[in-house]
Each structure stands twice: as structure tokens, then as C-alpha cells.
Amino acid sequence: MEELVPWALGLLLGAAFPRRPGGVGRRALFIVLVVVLGASVTVLSGEWSQNPGYALVDIGQTWLAATIALYARRHIPWRLQRKPGAAES
């Protein structure tokens, strides 16, 4: 169940991250947020004391979920398109 937290945080990050095209600064901010969220999940769950390498797994899961959410926001049309001349209900 704890492995869902990095996925949830990554999906929230990807959904909330601004769509504006940006340069290096925007990408750097995204990377920093992914690393901070992934590492904080590892520390707060207590996995850090068992093996610090678990942070890489949580960071990877957070990054993958955030990337999926960013892609979905950009490429999946979420609004229903109305056909011209269609009657409103």
C-alpha cells in the first residue's frame, strides 16, 4: 500500500504542474520537485533506515507517474466537443 504514495504524488504533481512552455528553469523545477517528493516518501515511510537505495525506486515511481500525468494533460482531450448546431439540453 505504501508504494501507491509515490504514484499518487507523481500524478498530482503532473496534473498540477503548469502547462506553459518553459526552458531549463521549468525542467529543473520539475526534477527538483520529483526528487524531493520521492525522497520524502522514502524517509517518511521509514524505508530509508532499511536501505537508502529505496529512495531511487520511489523517485523513479514519482517521476514516471508525473510524466504520465503531464502527457495525459497535453494529449488527451478532456473536454467534450459539441457539434455545431447541436441543441442544448
N, C-alpha and C. Protein backbone atom coordinates (compact mmCIF):
# COMPACT_ATOMS: atom_id res chain seq x y z
N MET A 1 0.81 -1.19 0.00
CA MET A 1 0.00 0.00 0.00
C MET A 1 0.86 1.26 0.00
N GLU A 2 2.03 1.18 0.64
CA GLU A 2 2.90 2.34 0.69
C GLU A 2 3.46 2.71 -0.68
N GLU A 3 3.49 1.75 -1.58
CA GLU A 3 4.02 2.04 -2.91
C GLU A 3 3.07 2.89 -3.75
N LEU A 4 1.85 3.05 -3.29
CA LEU A 4 0.90 3.90 -4.01
C LEU A 4 1.15 5.38 -3.75
N VAL A 5 1.80 5.70 -2.65
CA VAL A 5 2.03 7.11 -2.31
C VAL A 5 2.90 7.81 -3.34
N PRO A 6 4.04 7.25 -3.79
CA PRO A 6 4.81 7.94 -4.83
C PRO A 6 4.02 8.11 -6.13
N TRP A 7 3.19 7.12 -6.46
CA TRP A 7 2.38 7.21 -7.67
C TRP A 7 1.35 8.33 -7.54
N ALA A 8 0.71 8.41 -6.38
CA ALA A 8 -0.30 9.45 -6.16
C ALA A 8 0.34 10.83 -6.19
N LEU A 9 1.48 10.98 -5.52
CA LEU A 9 2.14 12.28 -5.51
C LEU A 9 2.62 12.66 -6.91
N GLY A 10 3.12 11.68 -7.66
CA GLY A 10 3.55 11.96 -9.03
C GLY A 10 2.40 12.37 -9.92
N LEU A 11 1.27 11.69 -9.79
CA LEU A 11 0.10 12.06 -10.59
C LEU A 11 -0.39 13.46 -10.23
N LEU A 12 -0.38 13.79 -8.95
CA LEU A 12 -0.78 15.12 -8.53
C LEU A 12 0.20 16.18 -9.05
N LEU A 13 1.48 15.89 -8.99
CA LEU A 13 2.48 16.82 -9.49
C LEU A 13 2.31 17.05 -10.99
N GLY A 14 2.15 15.97 -11.73
CA GLY A 14 1.99 16.10 -13.19
C GLY A 14 0.72 16.83 -13.57
N ALA A 15 -0.35 16.61 -12.80
CA ALA A 15 -1.61 17.29 -13.10
C ALA A 15 -1.58 18.75 -12.70
N ALA A 16 -0.83 19.09 -11.67
CA ALA A 16 -0.81 20.46 -11.17
C ALA A 16 0.30 21.32 -11.77
N PHE A 17 1.27 20.68 -12.41
CA PHE A 17 2.40 21.45 -12.95
C PHE A 17 1.91 22.31 -14.11
N PRO A 18 2.35 23.58 -14.18
CA PRO A 18 1.85 24.47 -15.24
C PRO A 18 2.16 23.97 -16.64
N ARG A 19 1.25 24.27 -17.56
CA ARG A 19 1.42 23.82 -18.95
C ARG A 19 2.31 24.74 -19.76
N ARG A 20 2.58 25.91 -19.25
CA ARG A 20 3.34 26.88 -20.04
C ARG A 20 4.65 26.28 -20.53
N PRO A 21 4.96 26.55 -21.78
CA PRO A 21 6.26 26.06 -22.26
C PRO A 21 7.37 26.81 -21.52
N GLY A 22 8.33 26.10 -21.10
CA GLY A 22 9.40 26.72 -20.35
C GLY A 22 10.75 26.18 -20.79
N GLY A 23 11.74 26.80 -20.28
CA GLY A 23 13.08 26.39 -20.64
C GLY A 23 13.70 25.52 -19.57
N VAL A 24 14.95 25.79 -19.34
CA VAL A 24 15.74 25.00 -18.41
C VAL A 24 15.22 25.16 -16.98
N GLY A 25 14.78 26.34 -16.61
CA GLY A 25 14.30 26.58 -15.26
C GLY A 25 13.08 25.75 -14.91
N ARG A 26 12.16 25.65 -15.85
CA ARG A 26 10.95 24.86 -15.61
C ARG A 26 11.28 23.38 -15.49
N ARG A 27 12.16 22.90 -16.33
CA ARG A 27 12.57 21.49 -16.25
C ARG A 27 13.32 21.20 -14.96
N ALA A 28 14.17 22.14 -14.56
CA ALA A 28 14.92 21.96 -13.31
C ALA A 28 13.97 21.93 -12.11
N LEU A 29 12.96 22.80 -12.12
CA LEU A 29 11.99 22.80 -11.04
C LEU A 29 11.23 21.48 -10.98
N PHE A 30 10.86 20.95 -12.13
CA PHE A 30 10.16 19.67 -12.20
C PHE A 30 11.03 18.55 -11.61
N ILE A 31 12.30 18.53 -11.99
CA ILE A 31 13.22 17.50 -11.50
C ILE A 31 13.40 17.61 -9.99
N VAL A 32 13.57 18.84 -9.50
CA VAL A 32 13.76 19.04 -8.06
C VAL A 32 12.51 18.58 -7.30
N LEU A 33 11.33 18.93 -7.80
CA LEU A 33 10.10 18.51 -7.12
C LEU A 33 9.95 16.99 -7.11
N VAL A 34 10.28 16.35 -8.21
CA VAL A 34 10.19 14.89 -8.27
C VAL A 34 11.14 14.25 -7.26
N VAL A 35 12.37 14.74 -7.20
CA VAL A 35 13.37 14.18 -6.28
C VAL A 35 12.95 14.42 -4.83
N VAL A 36 12.49 15.63 -4.53
CA VAL A 36 12.09 15.94 -3.15
C VAL A 36 10.90 15.09 -2.73
N LEU A 37 9.89 14.98 -3.60
CA LEU A 37 8.71 14.18 -3.24
C LEU A 37 9.06 12.70 -3.09
N GLY A 38 9.84 12.17 -4.03
CA GLY A 38 10.22 10.76 -3.96
C GLY A 38 11.07 10.44 -2.75
N ALA A 39 12.03 11.29 -2.45
CA ALA A 39 12.90 11.05 -1.30
C ALA A 39 12.13 11.23 0.01
N SER A 40 11.21 12.18 0.04
CA SER A 40 10.45 12.39 1.28
C SER A 40 9.54 11.20 1.57
N VAL A 41 9.01 10.57 0.53
CA VAL A 41 8.20 9.36 0.74
C VAL A 41 9.06 8.27 1.37
N THR A 42 10.29 8.13 0.90
CA THR A 42 11.19 7.10 1.44
C THR A 42 11.52 7.38 2.90
N VAL A 43 11.80 8.63 3.21
CA VAL A 43 12.18 8.98 4.58
C VAL A 43 10.98 8.84 5.52
N LEU A 44 9.82 9.35 5.11
CA LEU A 44 8.66 9.32 5.98
C LEU A 44 8.09 7.92 6.19
N SER A 45 8.30 7.03 5.24
CA SER A 45 7.81 5.66 5.40
C SER A 45 8.75 4.79 6.23
N GLY A 46 9.95 5.27 6.49
CA GLY A 46 10.92 4.51 7.27
C GLY A 46 11.78 3.59 6.44
N GLU A 47 11.60 3.59 5.14
CA GLU A 47 12.41 2.72 4.27
C GLU A 47 13.87 3.18 4.22
N TRP A 48 14.11 4.45 4.50
CA TRP A 48 15.46 4.99 4.44
C TRP A 48 16.38 4.27 5.43
N SER A 49 15.85 3.91 6.60
CA SER A 49 16.67 3.24 7.61
C SER A 49 17.01 1.80 7.20
N GLN A 50 16.16 1.19 6.38
CA GLN A 50 16.43 -0.18 5.93
C GLN A 50 17.46 -0.19 4.81
N ASN A 51 17.23 0.66 3.81
CA ASN A 51 18.15 0.72 2.67
C ASN A 51 17.93 2.05 1.96
N PRO A 52 18.92 2.94 1.95
CA PRO A 52 18.76 4.23 1.28
C PRO A 52 18.52 4.10 -0.23
N GLY A 53 18.83 2.96 -0.79
CA GLY A 53 18.60 2.74 -2.21
C GLY A 53 17.12 2.74 -2.59
N TYR A 54 16.26 2.54 -1.59
CA TYR A 54 14.82 2.59 -1.86
C TYR A 54 14.39 3.97 -2.33
N ALA A 55 15.18 4.98 -2.01
CA ALA A 55 14.85 6.34 -2.46
C ALA A 55 14.86 6.40 -3.98
N LEU A 56 15.77 5.69 -4.62
CA LEU A 56 15.81 5.69 -6.08
C LEU A 56 14.55 5.08 -6.68
N VAL A 57 14.04 4.06 -6.03
CA VAL A 57 12.80 3.43 -6.51
C VAL A 57 11.63 4.40 -6.38
N ASP A 58 11.52 5.04 -5.23
CA ASP A 58 10.41 5.97 -5.02
C ASP A 58 10.53 7.20 -5.92
N ILE A 59 11.74 7.68 -6.14
CA ILE A 59 11.94 8.81 -7.06
C ILE A 59 11.55 8.39 -8.47
N GLY A 60 11.92 7.20 -8.88
CA GLY A 60 11.56 6.71 -10.20
C GLY A 60 10.06 6.55 -10.37
N GLN A 61 9.39 6.05 -9.35
CA GLN A 61 7.93 5.91 -9.42
C GLN A 61 7.25 7.27 -9.50
N THR A 62 7.75 8.22 -8.71
CA THR A 62 7.18 9.57 -8.74
C THR A 62 7.39 10.21 -10.10
N TRP A 63 8.58 10.05 -10.66
CA TRP A 63 8.86 10.63 -11.98
C TRP A 63 7.97 10.01 -13.06
N LEU A 64 7.82 8.69 -13.03
CA LEU A 64 7.01 8.02 -14.05
C LEU A 64 5.55 8.46 -13.97
N ALA A 65 5.01 8.53 -12.76
CA ALA A 65 3.61 8.95 -12.60
C ALA A 65 3.43 10.41 -13.03
N ALA A 66 4.38 11.27 -12.68
CA ALA A 66 4.27 12.68 -13.07
C ALA A 66 4.37 12.84 -14.58
N THR A 67 5.22 12.07 -15.21
CA THR A 67 5.36 12.13 -16.66
C THR A 67 4.10 11.63 -17.35
N ILE A 68 3.50 10.59 -16.83
CA ILE A 68 2.25 10.08 -17.39
C ILE A 68 1.15 11.13 -17.27
N ALA A 69 1.06 11.79 -16.11
CA ALA A 69 0.04 12.82 -15.92
C ALA A 69 0.28 14.02 -16.83
N LEU A 70 1.54 14.42 -17.00
CA LEU A 70 1.85 15.53 -17.92
C LEU A 70 1.44 15.17 -19.35
N TYR A 71 1.77 13.96 -19.77
CA TYR A 71 1.42 13.52 -21.11
C TYR A 71 -0.10 13.49 -21.30
N ALA A 72 -0.80 12.97 -20.30
CA ALA A 72 -2.26 12.89 -20.39
C ALA A 72 -2.88 14.28 -20.47
N ARG A 73 -2.36 15.21 -19.71
CA ARG A 73 -2.90 16.58 -19.75
C ARG A 73 -2.70 17.22 -21.11
N ARG A 74 -1.61 16.92 -21.76
CA ARG A 74 -1.31 17.56 -23.04
C ARG A 74 -1.98 16.88 -24.23
N HIS A 75 -2.16 15.58 -24.17
CA HIS A 75 -2.55 14.84 -25.37
C HIS A 75 -3.93 14.20 -25.35
N ILE A 76 -4.58 14.19 -24.22
CA ILE A 76 -5.92 13.60 -24.16
C ILE A 76 -6.93 14.73 -24.05
N PRO A 77 -7.86 14.82 -25.00
CA PRO A 77 -8.86 15.89 -24.92
C PRO A 77 -9.87 15.59 -23.81
N TRP A 78 -9.86 16.41 -22.78
CA TRP A 78 -10.72 16.17 -21.63
C TRP A 78 -12.09 16.80 -21.79
N ARG A 79 -12.20 17.82 -22.62
CA ARG A 79 -13.49 18.47 -22.81
C ARG A 79 -14.25 17.79 -23.92
N LEU A 80 -15.52 17.66 -23.71
CA LEU A 80 -16.36 17.10 -24.76
C LEU A 80 -16.60 18.17 -25.82
N GLN A 81 -16.40 17.81 -27.03
CA GLN A 81 -16.60 18.75 -28.13
C GLN A 81 -18.06 18.74 -28.53
N ARG A 82 -18.66 19.90 -28.64
CA ARG A 82 -20.02 20.00 -29.12
C ARG A 82 -20.00 20.20 -30.62
N LYS A 83 -20.92 19.54 -31.25
CA LYS A 83 -21.03 19.69 -32.69
C LYS A 83 -21.76 21.00 -32.98
N PRO A 84 -21.36 21.72 -34.02
CA PRO A 84 -22.06 22.95 -34.35
C PRO A 84 -23.52 22.67 -34.67
N GLY A 85 -24.39 23.48 -34.12
CA GLY A 85 -25.81 23.34 -34.38
C GLY A 85 -26.51 22.33 -33.51
N ALA A 86 -25.80 21.72 -32.59
CA ALA A 86 -26.43 20.74 -31.70
C ALA A 86 -27.29 21.47 -30.67
N ALA A 87 -28.45 20.92 -30.40
CA ALA A 87 -29.35 21.54 -29.44
C ALA A 87 -28.85 21.29 -28.03
N GLU A 88 -29.01 22.31 -27.20
CA GLU A 88 -28.60 22.17 -25.80
C GLU A 88 -29.75 21.60 -25.01
N SER A 89 -29.42 20.78 -24.02
CA SER A 89 -30.49 20.18 -23.21
C SER A 89 -30.75 20.99 -21.98
